[in-house]
Protein backbone atom coordinates (compact mmCIF):
# COMPACT_ATOMS: atom_id res chain seq x y z
CA UNK A 1 -29.12 9.98 -96.57
CA UNK A 2 -27.96 8.35 -99.81
CA UNK A 3 -25.98 5.70 -97.94
CA UNK A 4 -28.94 4.82 -95.69
CA UNK A 5 -31.27 4.75 -98.69
CA UNK A 6 -29.02 2.32 -100.55
CA UNK A 7 -28.68 0.16 -97.45
CA UNK A 8 -32.46 0.11 -97.03
CA UNK A 9 -33.06 -0.83 -100.67
CA UNK A 10 -30.41 -3.56 -100.62
CA UNK A 11 -31.82 -5.11 -97.46
CA UNK A 12 -35.36 -4.86 -98.79
CA UNK A 13 -34.38 -6.84 -101.88
CA UNK A 14 -32.68 -9.58 -99.85
CA UNK A 15 -35.60 -9.81 -97.42
CA UNK A 16 -33.92 -8.37 -94.34
CA UNK A 17 -37.04 -6.49 -93.26
CA UNK A 18 -36.05 -6.05 -89.61
CA UNK A 19 -32.99 -4.05 -90.62
CA UNK A 20 -35.13 -2.08 -93.08
CA UNK A 21 -37.45 -1.13 -90.22
CA UNK A 22 -34.51 0.02 -88.10
CA UNK A 23 -33.12 2.06 -90.97
CA UNK A 24 -36.46 3.78 -91.53
CA UNK A 25 -36.68 4.69 -87.85
CA UNK A 26 -33.13 6.08 -87.94
CA UNK A 27 -33.81 8.11 -91.08
CA UNK A 28 -37.05 9.50 -89.65
CA UNK A 29 -35.39 10.38 -86.35
CA UNK A 30 -32.41 12.08 -87.99
CA UNK A 31 -34.00 13.71 -91.03
CA UNK A 32 -37.73 13.71 -90.41
CA UNK A 33 -40.30 12.50 -92.90
CA UNK A 34 -40.07 12.92 -96.64
CA UNK A 35 -41.81 11.59 -99.69
CA UNK A 36 -39.14 8.91 -99.89
CA UNK A 37 -39.86 7.92 -96.27
CA UNK A 38 -43.60 7.52 -96.92
CA UNK A 39 -42.93 5.54 -100.08
CA UNK A 40 -40.33 3.31 -98.38
CA UNK A 41 -42.65 2.68 -95.41
CA UNK A 42 -45.49 1.63 -97.74
CA UNK A 43 -43.20 -0.60 -99.80
CA UNK A 44 -41.83 -2.27 -96.67
CA UNK A 45 -45.33 -3.05 -95.40
CA UNK A 46 -46.24 -4.39 -98.84
CA UNK A 47 -43.16 -6.64 -99.04
CA UNK A 48 -43.80 -7.93 -95.51
CA UNK A 49 -47.40 -8.72 -96.42
CA UNK A 50 -48.61 -6.43 -93.64
CA UNK A 51 -51.65 -5.11 -95.47
CA UNK A 52 -53.56 -4.04 -92.35
CA UNK A 53 -50.55 -2.09 -91.06
CA UNK A 54 -50.20 -0.47 -94.47
CA UNK A 55 -53.82 0.64 -94.41
CA UNK A 56 -53.51 2.01 -90.87
CA UNK A 57 -50.27 3.82 -91.76
CA UNK A 58 -51.90 5.45 -94.77
CA UNK A 59 -55.01 6.28 -92.79
CA UNK A 60 -52.96 7.88 -90.01
CA UNK A 61 -50.91 9.87 -92.49
CA UNK A 62 -54.00 11.11 -94.28
CA UNK A 63 -55.53 12.11 -90.94
CA UNK A 64 -52.38 14.01 -89.94
CA UNK A 65 -52.34 15.84 -93.24
CA UNK A 66 -56.03 16.75 -93.19
CA UNK A 67 -55.54 20.00 -91.31
CA UNK A 68 -52.31 20.98 -93.05
CA UNK A 69 -53.65 20.79 -96.60
CA UNK A 70 -50.53 18.79 -97.36
CA UNK A 71 -49.94 17.26 -100.80
CA UNK A 72 -48.49 14.05 -99.38
CA UNK A 73 -51.84 12.18 -99.31
CA UNK A 74 -52.20 12.35 -103.07
CA UNK A 75 -48.71 10.96 -103.49
CA UNK A 76 -49.43 8.14 -101.08
CA UNK A 77 -52.49 7.21 -103.11
CA UNK A 78 -50.20 6.83 -106.12
CA UNK A 79 -47.77 4.68 -104.12
CA UNK A 80 -50.27 2.15 -102.85
CA UNK A 81 -51.89 -0.47 -105.06
CA UNK A 82 -55.27 0.82 -106.19
CA UNK A 83 -57.09 -2.14 -104.69
CA UNK A 84 -56.12 -0.96 -101.20
CA UNK A 85 -57.01 2.65 -101.86
CA UNK A 86 -60.44 1.86 -103.23
CA UNK A 87 -61.12 -1.18 -101.11
CA UNK A 88 -63.62 -1.32 -98.28
CA UNK A 89 -60.94 -1.84 -95.63
CA UNK A 90 -59.26 1.52 -96.29
CA UNK A 91 -62.60 3.26 -96.57
CA UNK A 92 -63.74 1.87 -93.23
CA UNK A 93 -60.47 2.86 -91.55
CA UNK A 94 -60.41 6.42 -92.89
CA UNK A 95 -64.08 7.27 -92.63
């Protein structure tokens, strides 16, 4: 995991977002989801300027966690800029 994480972070910083996407898929397929995965996914969307995808990803994650009483949603709220969390777009997607 550590090697993939470092590779992801390096490629994120140099703007190689396509490779970052592939790495996230590989990590998710091999290890499943984790707090790091959710954080990395949100950061990648933010760096790519894909704000709508970020909102839909968060919305989908929150919906998945609704039944499980999972603590991940609260951590995602802390990961995402507050303007997205409190903005009308996220509210309209979730509710």
